[in-house]
Amino acid sequence: MATSSARPPFLKGPQMNDPESIESILGIEPEPPRAKRGKASDDTSGDIWNWKPAPDWRPDPRYVKAEPDYSKGFRVGTWYEDPRGEAIAGPKRRQALPLPNYRGKPGDLITDEMERAYWNRWNIWLRASMSLEQCIRLHLTMHQENSGRPDKTELQEMFAQEWQWLKGLWNASGLSEPPTEQLDAWANELQARYEAQRKASSGLK
């Protein structure tokens, strides 16, 4: 996930419930309103490129559902398991930030603005979690004696870049940076998983 481009600067103070500030940190441009999709009009020509919704069509309303506030009691590295079993965000991953909620109370109508804000924060959550996993892999590789990478300067630079980016997000979200001991524990667990996968693929027990 590491890139050669510099990360954007970070602001201080905003909490996770202020997505606009965090989006500005990441340089995310607000998405323009999207055209609504719906039932076909009376045009039955079959030309999908000229398809238009009926003039009186309106999308079915959606409402905020009751769900836990994932930010309460959250700790960096908490496992996320997709309850749907889908791989859209990975069926299981360590979280760098708490999974976002829709802004509003249960029963509130979900507006286009609420939808865009939610998915912007969801993308931040996914990118941050992927960055945390990358840091764990880099940390493991840097500390392996037989990693095949005698010059680990590049790995250290990649790790520093990703970790600094995460630290900015944690600071903006009021979360604590995991200590080195926690990184060691995650790296050891990752190594154990790698060993289990290697044995399974080779038929070893």
N, C-alpha and C. Protein backbone atom coordinates (compact mmCIF):
# COMPACT_ATOMS: atom_id res chain seq x y z
N MET A 1 0.81 -1.21 0.00
CA MET A 1 0.00 0.00 0.00
C MET A 1 0.84 1.25 0.00
N ALA A 2 2.11 1.11 0.40
CA ALA A 2 2.96 2.28 0.45
C ALA A 2 3.19 2.85 -0.92
N THR A 3 3.26 4.17 -1.02
CA THR A 3 3.50 4.82 -2.28
C THR A 3 4.65 5.78 -2.12
N SER A 4 5.17 6.24 -3.23
CA SER A 4 6.30 7.15 -3.20
C SER A 4 5.88 8.58 -2.93
N SER A 5 4.60 8.90 -3.11
CA SER A 5 4.13 10.26 -2.90
C SER A 5 3.98 10.55 -1.43
N ALA A 6 4.18 11.80 -1.05
CA ALA A 6 4.09 12.20 0.34
C ALA A 6 2.64 12.20 0.79
N ARG A 7 2.44 11.84 2.05
CA ARG A 7 1.09 11.86 2.61
C ARG A 7 0.67 13.30 2.85
N PRO A 8 -0.63 13.59 2.79
CA PRO A 8 -1.09 14.95 3.09
C PRO A 8 -0.89 15.29 4.54
N PRO A 9 -0.77 16.57 4.91
CA PRO A 9 -0.58 16.95 6.31
C PRO A 9 -1.82 16.66 7.12
N PHE A 10 -1.64 16.62 8.43
CA PHE A 10 -2.74 16.27 9.32
C PHE A 10 -3.14 17.46 10.17
N LEU A 11 -4.41 17.49 10.47
CA LEU A 11 -4.95 18.52 11.34
C LEU A 11 -5.05 17.96 12.74
N LYS A 12 -5.13 18.82 13.71
CA LYS A 12 -5.29 18.39 15.09
C LYS A 12 -6.67 18.76 15.59
N GLY A 13 -7.23 17.90 16.42
CA GLY A 13 -8.47 18.26 17.08
C GLY A 13 -9.71 17.52 16.65
N PRO A 14 -10.00 17.36 15.33
CA PRO A 14 -11.28 16.77 14.94
C PRO A 14 -11.38 15.33 15.39
N GLN A 15 -12.57 14.93 15.77
CA GLN A 15 -12.81 13.55 16.20
C GLN A 15 -13.35 12.74 15.04
N MET A 16 -13.54 11.44 15.27
CA MET A 16 -14.00 10.56 14.21
C MET A 16 -15.40 10.92 13.74
N ASN A 17 -16.18 11.61 14.58
CA ASN A 17 -17.53 11.98 14.17
C ASN A 17 -17.54 13.26 13.35
N ASP A 18 -16.40 13.72 12.92
CA ASP A 18 -16.30 14.89 12.05
C ASP A 18 -15.64 14.46 10.75
N PRO A 19 -16.39 13.73 9.89
CA PRO A 19 -15.78 13.15 8.69
C PRO A 19 -15.26 14.17 7.72
N GLU A 20 -15.85 15.37 7.67
CA GLU A 20 -15.40 16.36 6.70
C GLU A 20 -13.96 16.76 6.96
N SER A 21 -13.58 16.87 8.25
CA SER A 21 -12.22 17.25 8.58
C SER A 21 -11.25 16.14 8.19
N ILE A 22 -11.61 14.91 8.48
CA ILE A 22 -10.72 13.79 8.15
C ILE A 22 -10.63 13.62 6.64
N GLU A 23 -11.74 13.85 5.93
CA GLU A 23 -11.69 13.76 4.47
C GLU A 23 -10.75 14.82 3.90
N SER A 24 -10.74 16.01 4.50
CA SER A 24 -9.85 17.06 4.01
C SER A 24 -8.40 16.69 4.28
N ILE A 25 -8.14 15.97 5.39
CA ILE A 25 -6.80 15.49 5.68
C ILE A 25 -6.31 14.57 4.58
N LEU A 26 -7.19 13.71 4.12
CA LEU A 26 -6.82 12.71 3.13
C LEU A 26 -6.89 13.26 1.70
N GLY A 27 -7.35 14.47 1.55
CA GLY A 27 -7.43 15.04 0.20
C GLY A 27 -8.56 14.45 -0.62
N ILE A 28 -9.63 13.98 0.04
CA ILE A 28 -10.75 13.38 -0.68
C ILE A 28 -11.70 14.48 -1.13
N GLU A 29 -11.95 14.53 -2.42
CA GLU A 29 -12.88 15.51 -2.96
C GLU A 29 -14.32 15.02 -2.78
N PRO A 30 -15.22 15.90 -2.37
CA PRO A 30 -16.63 15.48 -2.24
C PRO A 30 -17.16 14.98 -3.57
N GLU A 31 -17.89 13.89 -3.51
CA GLU A 31 -18.45 13.34 -4.74
C GLU A 31 -19.64 14.16 -5.18
N PRO A 32 -19.76 14.42 -6.48
CA PRO A 32 -20.94 15.15 -6.97
C PRO A 32 -22.18 14.29 -6.86
N PRO A 33 -23.34 14.88 -6.75
CA PRO A 33 -24.58 14.09 -6.69
C PRO A 33 -24.69 13.18 -7.90
N ARG A 34 -25.10 11.95 -7.65
CA ARG A 34 -25.23 10.98 -8.73
C ARG A 34 -26.66 10.94 -9.25
N ALA A 35 -26.79 10.66 -10.51
CA ALA A 35 -28.12 10.52 -11.09
C ALA A 35 -28.79 9.29 -10.51
N LYS A 36 -30.03 9.42 -10.16
CA LYS A 36 -30.76 8.30 -9.59
C LYS A 36 -31.17 7.32 -10.68
N ARG A 37 -31.08 6.04 -10.31
CA ARG A 37 -31.51 5.00 -11.23
C ARG A 37 -32.90 4.52 -10.85
N GLY A 38 -33.61 4.04 -11.82
CA GLY A 38 -34.95 3.57 -11.49
C GLY A 38 -35.57 2.79 -12.61
N LYS A 39 -36.88 2.72 -12.61
CA LYS A 39 -37.60 1.95 -13.62
C LYS A 39 -37.48 2.62 -14.97
N ALA A 40 -37.55 1.82 -16.00
CA ALA A 40 -37.44 2.36 -17.35
C ALA A 40 -38.66 3.19 -17.68
N SER A 41 -38.46 4.14 -18.59
CA SER A 41 -39.58 4.96 -19.03
C SER A 41 -40.37 4.18 -20.07
N ASP A 42 -41.28 4.87 -20.74
CA ASP A 42 -42.12 4.20 -21.73
C ASP A 42 -41.36 3.85 -23.00
N ASP A 43 -40.10 4.29 -23.11
CA ASP A 43 -39.31 3.99 -24.29
C ASP A 43 -38.95 2.51 -24.30
N THR A 44 -39.44 1.78 -25.26
CA THR A 44 -39.21 0.33 -25.32
C THR A 44 -38.30 -0.04 -26.48
N SER A 45 -37.47 0.92 -26.90
CA SER A 45 -36.60 0.66 -28.03
C SER A 45 -35.53 -0.36 -27.72
N GLY A 46 -35.25 -0.56 -26.43
CA GLY A 46 -34.22 -1.52 -26.04
C GLY A 46 -32.82 -0.94 -26.09
N ASP A 47 -32.67 0.32 -26.37
CA ASP A 47 -31.36 0.96 -26.42
C ASP A 47 -30.96 1.33 -25.00
N ILE A 48 -30.03 0.54 -24.42
CA ILE A 48 -29.67 0.76 -23.01
C ILE A 48 -28.93 2.08 -22.83
N TRP A 49 -28.31 2.60 -23.88
CA TRP A 49 -27.56 3.84 -23.74
C TRP A 49 -28.50 5.05 -23.66
N ASN A 50 -29.72 4.92 -24.12
CA ASN A 50 -30.68 6.01 -24.04
C ASN A 50 -31.73 5.77 -22.95
N TRP A 51 -31.40 4.82 -22.07
CA TRP A 51 -32.35 4.48 -21.00
C TRP A 51 -32.54 5.66 -20.06
N LYS A 52 -33.78 5.92 -19.68
CA LYS A 52 -34.09 7.00 -18.75
C LYS A 52 -35.15 6.51 -17.77
N PRO A 53 -35.07 6.98 -16.52
CA PRO A 53 -36.13 6.61 -15.57
C PRO A 53 -37.42 7.34 -15.92
N ALA A 54 -38.51 6.78 -15.48
CA ALA A 54 -39.79 7.45 -15.69
C ALA A 54 -39.79 8.79 -14.96
N PRO A 55 -40.42 9.81 -15.53
CA PRO A 55 -40.38 11.15 -14.93
C PRO A 55 -40.89 11.18 -13.49
N ASP A 56 -41.85 10.31 -13.16
CA ASP A 56 -42.42 10.34 -11.82
C ASP A 56 -41.77 9.34 -10.87
N TRP A 57 -40.66 8.70 -11.33
CA TRP A 57 -40.03 7.68 -10.47
C TRP A 57 -39.27 8.32 -9.32
N ARG A 58 -39.39 7.72 -8.14
CA ARG A 58 -38.63 8.15 -6.98
C ARG A 58 -38.05 6.89 -6.31
N PRO A 59 -36.81 6.97 -5.82
CA PRO A 59 -36.22 5.78 -5.16
C PRO A 59 -36.95 5.47 -3.86
N ASP A 60 -36.94 4.19 -3.49
CA ASP A 60 -37.52 3.82 -2.21
C ASP A 60 -36.72 4.47 -1.08
N PRO A 61 -37.38 5.05 -0.11
CA PRO A 61 -36.64 5.70 0.99
C PRO A 61 -35.89 4.67 1.83
N ARG A 62 -34.75 5.06 2.36
CA ARG A 62 -33.96 4.22 3.25
C ARG A 62 -33.80 4.97 4.56
N TYR A 63 -33.77 4.20 5.65
CA TYR A 63 -33.72 4.81 6.97
C TYR A 63 -32.54 4.24 7.76
N VAL A 64 -32.05 5.05 8.69
CA VAL A 64 -30.94 4.62 9.54
C VAL A 64 -31.41 3.46 10.42
N LYS A 65 -30.63 2.38 10.42
CA LYS A 65 -30.95 1.22 11.24
C LYS A 65 -30.26 1.32 12.60
N ALA A 66 -30.86 0.69 13.57
CA ALA A 66 -30.24 0.65 14.89
C ALA A 66 -29.04 -0.30 14.84
N GLU A 67 -27.89 0.18 15.23
CA GLU A 67 -26.68 -0.65 15.28
C GLU A 67 -25.74 -0.08 16.33
N PRO A 68 -24.76 -0.87 16.78
CA PRO A 68 -23.86 -0.38 17.83
C PRO A 68 -23.04 0.81 17.36
N ASP A 69 -22.63 1.63 18.31
CA ASP A 69 -21.67 2.69 18.02
C ASP A 69 -20.29 2.04 18.09
N TYR A 70 -19.71 1.78 16.92
CA TYR A 70 -18.46 1.02 16.86
C TYR A 70 -17.27 1.77 17.44
N SER A 71 -17.41 3.07 17.67
CA SER A 71 -16.30 3.83 18.23
C SER A 71 -16.18 3.65 19.74
N LYS A 72 -17.25 3.22 20.40
CA LYS A 72 -17.23 3.06 21.86
C LYS A 72 -16.39 1.85 22.24
N GLY A 73 -15.38 2.09 23.07
CA GLY A 73 -14.52 1.01 23.53
C GLY A 73 -13.60 0.46 22.46
N PHE A 74 -13.48 1.17 21.34
CA PHE A 74 -12.65 0.65 20.24
C PHE A 74 -11.18 0.70 20.60
N ARG A 75 -10.45 -0.36 20.19
CA ARG A 75 -9.00 -0.41 20.33
C ARG A 75 -8.40 -0.72 18.97
N VAL A 76 -7.34 -0.02 18.63
CA VAL A 76 -6.67 -0.24 17.36
C VAL A 76 -6.23 -1.70 17.25
N GLY A 77 -6.54 -2.32 16.13
CA GLY A 77 -6.17 -3.72 15.91
C GLY A 77 -7.30 -4.69 16.17
N THR A 78 -8.45 -4.19 16.64
CA THR A 78 -9.60 -5.07 16.87
C THR A 78 -10.00 -5.72 15.55
N TRP A 79 -10.26 -7.02 15.61
CA TRP A 79 -10.62 -7.75 14.40
C TRP A 79 -11.99 -7.31 13.90
N TYR A 80 -12.09 -7.19 12.58
CA TYR A 80 -13.39 -7.00 11.94
C TYR A 80 -13.70 -8.24 11.11
N GLU A 81 -14.88 -8.77 11.30
CA GLU A 81 -15.35 -9.89 10.50
C GLU A 81 -16.65 -9.48 9.83
N ASP A 82 -16.66 -9.54 8.51
CA ASP A 82 -17.85 -9.14 7.76
C ASP A 82 -18.99 -10.10 8.10
N PRO A 83 -20.07 -9.60 8.69
CA PRO A 83 -21.17 -10.49 9.06
C PRO A 83 -21.84 -11.14 7.85
N ARG A 84 -21.63 -10.54 6.66
CA ARG A 84 -22.21 -11.11 5.44
C ARG A 84 -21.31 -12.17 4.83
N GLY A 85 -20.08 -12.27 5.35
CA GLY A 85 -19.16 -13.24 4.80
C GLY A 85 -18.62 -12.85 3.44
N GLU A 86 -18.77 -11.57 3.09
CA GLU A 86 -18.32 -11.11 1.80
C GLU A 86 -16.89 -10.56 1.89
N ALA A 87 -16.23 -10.51 0.76
CA ALA A 87 -14.85 -10.05 0.73
C ALA A 87 -14.74 -8.60 0.27
N ILE A 88 -15.85 -7.85 0.34
CA ILE A 88 -15.82 -6.47 -0.12
C ILE A 88 -14.83 -5.65 0.69
N ALA A 89 -14.73 -5.95 1.98
CA ALA A 89 -13.73 -5.29 2.82
C ALA A 89 -12.77 -6.32 3.38
N GLY A 90 -12.87 -7.54 2.92
CA GLY A 90 -12.08 -8.61 3.50
C GLY A 90 -12.91 -9.26 4.58
N PRO A 91 -13.07 -10.58 4.56
CA PRO A 91 -13.92 -11.23 5.56
C PRO A 91 -13.40 -11.05 6.97
N LYS A 92 -12.08 -10.79 7.11
CA LYS A 92 -11.51 -10.59 8.44
C LYS A 92 -10.27 -9.73 8.31
N ARG A 93 -10.19 -8.66 9.07
CA ARG A 93 -9.02 -7.79 9.01
C ARG A 93 -8.90 -7.02 10.32
N ARG A 94 -7.67 -6.58 10.60
CA ARG A 94 -7.47 -5.73 11.77
C ARG A 94 -7.87 -4.31 11.42
N GLN A 95 -8.55 -3.67 12.34
CA GLN A 95 -9.05 -2.33 12.09
C GLN A 95 -8.12 -1.28 12.68
N ALA A 96 -7.84 -0.25 11.89
CA ALA A 96 -7.07 0.88 12.38
C ALA A 96 -7.98 1.95 12.96
N LEU A 97 -9.22 1.98 12.47
CA LEU A 97 -10.24 2.92 12.93
C LEU A 97 -11.53 2.15 13.15
N PRO A 98 -12.42 2.67 13.98
CA PRO A 98 -13.71 1.99 14.16
C PRO A 98 -14.57 2.08 12.90
N LEU A 99 -15.32 1.04 12.64
CA LEU A 99 -16.24 1.04 11.51
C LEU A 99 -17.23 2.20 11.68
N PRO A 100 -17.46 2.98 10.64
CA PRO A 100 -18.34 4.14 10.79
C PRO A 100 -19.82 3.76 10.85
N ASN A 101 -20.58 4.66 11.40
CA ASN A 101 -22.03 4.57 11.40
C ASN A 101 -22.60 5.67 10.52
N TYR A 102 -23.84 5.48 10.09
CA TYR A 102 -24.55 6.59 9.46
C TYR A 102 -24.77 7.68 10.50
N ARG A 103 -24.64 8.91 10.07
CA ARG A 103 -24.88 10.01 10.99
C ARG A 103 -26.38 10.24 11.08
N GLY A 104 -26.91 10.05 12.23
CA GLY A 104 -28.35 10.19 12.43
C GLY A 104 -28.84 9.19 13.44
N LYS A 105 -30.10 9.32 13.81
CA LYS A 105 -30.72 8.43 14.78
C LYS A 105 -31.49 7.34 14.04
N PRO A 106 -31.65 6.17 14.69
CA PRO A 106 -32.44 5.11 14.05
C PRO A 106 -33.80 5.64 13.62
N GLY A 107 -34.15 5.36 12.39
CA GLY A 107 -35.42 5.82 11.85
C GLY A 107 -35.30 7.07 11.01
N ASP A 108 -34.16 7.77 11.10
CA ASP A 108 -33.98 8.96 10.28
C ASP A 108 -33.85 8.57 8.80
N LEU A 109 -34.39 9.42 7.94
CA LEU A 109 -34.27 9.20 6.51
C LEU A 109 -32.82 9.41 6.08
N ILE A 110 -32.27 8.46 5.30
CA ILE A 110 -30.91 8.58 4.80
C ILE A 110 -30.92 9.45 3.55
N THR A 111 -30.35 10.62 3.65
CA THR A 111 -30.30 11.54 2.52
C THR A 111 -29.08 11.23 1.65
N ASP A 112 -29.03 11.85 0.47
CA ASP A 112 -27.87 11.66 -0.40
C ASP A 112 -26.59 12.13 0.29
N GLU A 113 -26.68 13.23 1.04
CA GLU A 113 -25.51 13.75 1.74
C GLU A 113 -25.04 12.77 2.81
N MET A 114 -25.98 12.17 3.54
CA MET A 114 -25.62 11.18 4.56
C MET A 114 -24.97 9.96 3.92
N GLU A 115 -25.49 9.56 2.78
CA GLU A 115 -24.94 8.39 2.08
C GLU A 115 -23.50 8.65 1.64
N ARG A 116 -23.25 9.81 1.05
CA ARG A 116 -21.90 10.13 0.60
C ARG A 116 -20.93 10.24 1.77
N ALA A 117 -21.38 10.88 2.87
CA ALA A 117 -20.52 11.02 4.04
C ALA A 117 -20.17 9.67 4.62
N TYR A 118 -21.15 8.76 4.66
CA TYR A 118 -20.90 7.43 5.21
C TYR A 118 -19.85 6.69 4.38
N TRP A 119 -20.01 6.69 3.07
CA TRP A 119 -19.10 5.91 2.23
C TRP A 119 -17.73 6.56 2.15
N ASN A 120 -17.65 7.87 2.29
CA ASN A 120 -16.33 8.50 2.39
C ASN A 120 -15.60 8.02 3.64
N ARG A 121 -16.32 7.97 4.77
CA ARG A 121 -15.70 7.49 6.01
C ARG A 121 -15.40 6.00 5.94
N TRP A 122 -16.25 5.24 5.23
CA TRP A 122 -16.00 3.81 5.07
C TRP A 122 -14.72 3.59 4.28
N ASN A 123 -14.51 4.40 3.24
CA ASN A 123 -13.28 4.28 2.46
C ASN A 123 -12.05 4.63 3.29
N ILE A 124 -12.17 5.63 4.16
CA ILE A 124 -11.07 5.96 5.07
C ILE A 124 -10.80 4.79 5.99
N TRP A 125 -11.86 4.19 6.53
CA TRP A 125 -11.71 3.03 7.42
C TRP A 125 -10.98 1.88 6.72
N LEU A 126 -11.37 1.60 5.48
CA LEU A 126 -10.76 0.50 4.74
C LEU A 126 -9.30 0.80 4.44
N ARG A 127 -9.01 1.99 3.94
CA ARG A 127 -7.64 2.35 3.60
C ARG A 127 -6.74 2.32 4.83
N ALA A 128 -7.25 2.79 5.96
CA ALA A 128 -6.46 2.80 7.19
C ALA A 128 -6.20 1.38 7.68
N SER A 129 -7.20 0.51 7.60
CA SER A 129 -7.02 -0.87 8.05
C SER A 129 -6.03 -1.61 7.16
N MET A 130 -6.08 -1.36 5.86
CA MET A 130 -5.12 -1.96 4.94
C MET A 130 -3.71 -1.45 5.23
N SER A 131 -3.59 -0.18 5.60
CA SER A 131 -2.29 0.39 5.93
C SER A 131 -1.73 -0.25 7.20
N LEU A 132 -2.60 -0.49 8.19
CA LEU A 132 -2.16 -1.15 9.42
C LEU A 132 -1.65 -2.55 9.12
N GLU A 133 -2.36 -3.29 8.30
CA GLU A 133 -1.92 -4.63 7.95
C GLU A 133 -0.58 -4.60 7.21
N GLN A 134 -0.40 -3.60 6.35
CA GLN A 134 0.87 -3.44 5.66
C GLN A 134 2.00 -3.18 6.64
N CYS A 135 1.74 -2.36 7.65
CA CYS A 135 2.77 -2.08 8.66
C CYS A 135 3.14 -3.33 9.44
N ILE A 136 2.16 -4.15 9.73
CA ILE A 136 2.44 -5.40 10.46
C ILE A 136 3.33 -6.31 9.61
N ARG A 137 3.01 -6.42 8.31
CA ARG A 137 3.84 -7.25 7.43
C ARG A 137 5.26 -6.71 7.33
N LEU A 138 5.38 -5.38 7.19
CA LEU A 138 6.71 -4.77 7.10
C LEU A 138 7.49 -4.98 8.40
N HIS A 139 6.82 -4.81 9.52
CA HIS A 139 7.46 -5.00 10.83
C HIS A 139 7.98 -6.43 10.96
N LEU A 140 7.18 -7.39 10.51
CA LEU A 140 7.61 -8.79 10.57
C LEU A 140 8.83 -9.01 9.69
N THR A 141 8.78 -8.53 8.45
CA THR A 141 9.89 -8.75 7.52
C THR A 141 11.17 -8.10 8.00
N MET A 142 11.06 -6.89 8.58
CA MET A 142 12.26 -6.19 9.05
C MET A 142 12.94 -6.93 10.19
N HIS A 143 12.18 -7.72 10.94
CA HIS A 143 12.74 -8.40 12.10
C HIS A 143 13.01 -9.89 11.86
N GLN A 144 12.84 -10.33 10.64
CA GLN A 144 13.18 -11.71 10.30
C GLN A 144 14.65 -11.79 9.94
N GLU A 145 15.37 -12.70 10.57
CA GLU A 145 16.80 -12.84 10.30
C GLU A 145 17.04 -13.35 8.88
N ASN A 146 16.17 -14.20 8.38
CA ASN A 146 16.34 -14.79 7.05
C ASN A 146 15.31 -14.24 6.07
N SER A 147 15.10 -12.94 6.11
CA SER A 147 14.08 -12.34 5.25
C SER A 147 14.53 -12.22 3.80
N GLY A 148 15.85 -12.40 3.55
CA GLY A 148 16.35 -12.23 2.20
C GLY A 148 16.52 -10.77 1.82
N ARG A 149 16.38 -9.88 2.79
CA ARG A 149 16.52 -8.43 2.53
C ARG A 149 17.57 -7.88 3.49
N PRO A 150 18.88 -8.08 3.17
CA PRO A 150 19.92 -7.59 4.08
C PRO A 150 19.89 -6.08 4.27
N ASP A 151 19.56 -5.33 3.18
CA ASP A 151 19.44 -3.89 3.29
C ASP A 151 17.97 -3.56 3.52
N LYS A 152 17.65 -3.23 4.75
CA LYS A 152 16.25 -3.03 5.12
C LYS A 152 15.86 -1.55 5.16
N THR A 153 16.72 -0.71 4.59
CA THR A 153 16.44 0.73 4.61
C THR A 153 15.13 1.04 3.90
N GLU A 154 14.91 0.40 2.75
CA GLU A 154 13.68 0.64 2.00
C GLU A 154 12.46 0.22 2.80
N LEU A 155 12.56 -0.92 3.46
CA LEU A 155 11.43 -1.39 4.28
C LEU A 155 11.17 -0.42 5.42
N GLN A 156 12.22 0.07 6.03
CA GLN A 156 12.07 1.02 7.14
C GLN A 156 11.41 2.31 6.67
N GLU A 157 11.78 2.76 5.48
CA GLU A 157 11.17 3.99 4.95
C GLU A 157 9.70 3.78 4.64
N MET A 158 9.37 2.61 4.06
CA MET A 158 7.98 2.30 3.75
C MET A 158 7.17 2.24 5.03
N PHE A 159 7.72 1.58 6.04
CA PHE A 159 7.02 1.47 7.32
C PHE A 159 6.80 2.85 7.94
N ALA A 160 7.86 3.67 7.94
CA ALA A 160 7.77 5.00 8.56
C ALA A 160 6.70 5.84 7.89
N GLN A 161 6.61 5.75 6.56
CA GLN A 161 5.62 6.54 5.83
C GLN A 161 4.20 6.11 6.19
N GLU A 162 3.97 4.80 6.16
CA GLU A 162 2.63 4.30 6.49
C GLU A 162 2.27 4.59 7.94
N TRP A 163 3.22 4.38 8.83
CA TRP A 163 2.94 4.56 10.26
C TRP A 163 2.67 6.02 10.58
N GLN A 164 3.41 6.92 9.95
CA GLN A 164 3.18 8.35 10.18
C GLN A 164 1.79 8.75 9.72
N TRP A 165 1.36 8.18 8.60
CA TRP A 165 0.02 8.46 8.08
C TRP A 165 -1.05 7.99 9.07
N LEU A 166 -0.83 6.78 9.60
CA LEU A 166 -1.78 6.25 10.58
C LEU A 166 -1.78 7.07 11.86
N LYS A 167 -0.60 7.50 12.31
CA LYS A 167 -0.53 8.31 13.52
C LYS A 167 -1.32 9.59 13.37
N GLY A 168 -1.29 10.17 12.18
CA GLY A 168 -2.09 11.37 11.97
C GLY A 168 -3.57 11.10 12.09
N LEU A 169 -4.02 9.96 11.55
CA LEU A 169 -5.43 9.59 11.67
C LEU A 169 -5.81 9.31 13.12
N TRP A 170 -4.94 8.58 13.82
CA TRP A 170 -5.24 8.27 15.22
C TRP A 170 -5.30 9.53 16.06
N ASN A 171 -4.40 10.45 15.82
CA ASN A 171 -4.40 11.71 16.55
C ASN A 171 -5.69 12.48 16.27
N ALA A 172 -6.09 12.51 14.99
CA ALA A 172 -7.30 13.23 14.62
C ALA A 172 -8.55 12.56 15.18
N SER A 173 -8.47 11.26 15.44
CA SER A 173 -9.64 10.51 15.91
C SER A 173 -9.62 10.28 17.41
N GLY A 174 -8.62 10.79 18.10
CA GLY A 174 -8.55 10.62 19.54
C GLY A 174 -8.17 9.23 19.98
N LEU A 175 -7.43 8.49 19.14
CA LEU A 175 -7.01 7.12 19.46
C LEU A 175 -5.53 7.10 19.79
N SER A 176 -5.12 6.08 20.55
CA SER A 176 -3.73 5.95 20.97
C SER A 176 -2.94 5.10 19.98
N GLU A 177 -1.71 5.47 19.77
CA GLU A 177 -0.81 4.71 18.90
C GLU A 177 -0.43 3.40 19.58
N PRO A 178 -0.54 2.26 18.90
CA PRO A 178 -0.14 0.99 19.53
C PRO A 178 1.35 0.98 19.86
N PRO A 179 1.74 0.43 21.01
CA PRO A 179 3.17 0.37 21.36
C PRO A 179 3.89 -0.69 20.52
N THR A 180 5.23 -0.64 20.57
CA THR A 180 6.04 -1.59 19.82
C THR A 180 5.74 -3.02 20.24
N GLU A 181 5.47 -3.23 21.52
CA GLU A 181 5.18 -4.58 22.00
C GLU A 181 3.93 -5.15 21.32
N GLN A 182 2.97 -4.29 21.05
CA GLN A 182 1.76 -4.75 20.37
C GLN A 182 2.07 -5.12 18.92
N LEU A 183 2.91 -4.32 18.27
CA LEU A 183 3.33 -4.64 16.91
C LEU A 183 4.05 -5.99 16.88
N ASP A 184 4.91 -6.23 17.86
CA ASP A 184 5.62 -7.51 17.95
C ASP A 184 4.63 -8.66 18.05
N ALA A 185 3.62 -8.49 18.89
CA ALA A 185 2.62 -9.55 19.07
C ALA A 185 1.86 -9.81 17.78
N TRP A 186 1.46 -8.75 17.09
CA TRP A 186 0.74 -8.93 15.82
C TRP A 186 1.63 -9.60 14.78
N ALA A 187 2.91 -9.21 14.74
CA ALA A 187 3.84 -9.80 13.78
C ALA A 187 4.05 -11.29 14.08
N ASN A 188 4.15 -11.64 15.35
CA ASN A 188 4.30 -13.05 15.70
C ASN A 188 3.07 -13.86 15.32
N GLU A 189 1.92 -13.28 15.50
CA GLU A 189 0.68 -13.96 15.12
C GLU A 189 0.61 -14.14 13.60
N LEU A 190 1.05 -13.11 12.86
CA LEU A 190 1.07 -13.22 11.41
C LEU A 190 2.04 -14.31 10.96
N GLN A 191 3.21 -14.38 11.61
CA GLN A 191 4.18 -15.42 11.28
C GLN A 191 3.60 -16.80 11.52
N ALA A 192 2.86 -16.96 12.61
CA ALA A 192 2.24 -18.25 12.90
C ALA A 192 1.22 -18.62 11.83
N ARG A 193 0.48 -17.63 11.32
CA ARG A 193 -0.47 -17.91 10.26
C ARG A 193 0.24 -18.33 8.98
N TYR A 194 1.34 -17.64 8.68
CA TYR A 194 2.11 -18.00 7.49
C TYR A 194 2.61 -19.44 7.59
N GLU A 195 3.09 -19.82 8.78
CA GLU A 195 3.60 -21.18 8.97
C GLU A 195 2.48 -22.21 8.82
N ALA A 196 1.31 -21.89 9.36
CA ALA A 196 0.18 -22.81 9.24
C ALA A 196 -0.24 -22.97 7.78
N GLN A 197 -0.24 -21.87 7.04
CA GLN A 197 -0.59 -21.95 5.62
C GLN A 197 0.44 -22.74 4.84
N ARG A 198 1.73 -22.56 5.17
CA ARG A 198 2.79 -23.29 4.47
C ARG A 198 2.66 -24.80 4.70
N LYS A 199 2.39 -25.16 5.96
CA LYS A 199 2.24 -26.57 6.27
C LYS A 199 1.01 -27.16 5.59
N ALA A 200 -0.07 -26.38 5.56
CA ALA A 200 -1.29 -26.88 4.93
C ALA A 200 -1.09 -27.08 3.43
N SER A 201 -0.36 -26.16 2.79
CA SER A 201 -0.14 -26.29 1.34
C SER A 201 0.81 -27.41 0.97
N SER A 202 1.71 -27.74 1.91
CA SER A 202 2.68 -28.80 1.64
C SER A 202 2.24 -30.16 2.18
N GLY A 203 1.09 -30.19 2.84
CA GLY A 203 0.59 -31.45 3.38
C GLY A 203 1.22 -31.86 4.67
N LEU A 204 1.95 -30.94 5.33
CA LEU A 204 2.59 -31.26 6.59
C LEU A 204 1.60 -31.13 7.75
N LYS A 205 1.91 -31.80 8.82
CA LYS A 205 1.08 -31.70 10.03
C LYS A 205 1.92 -31.25 11.20
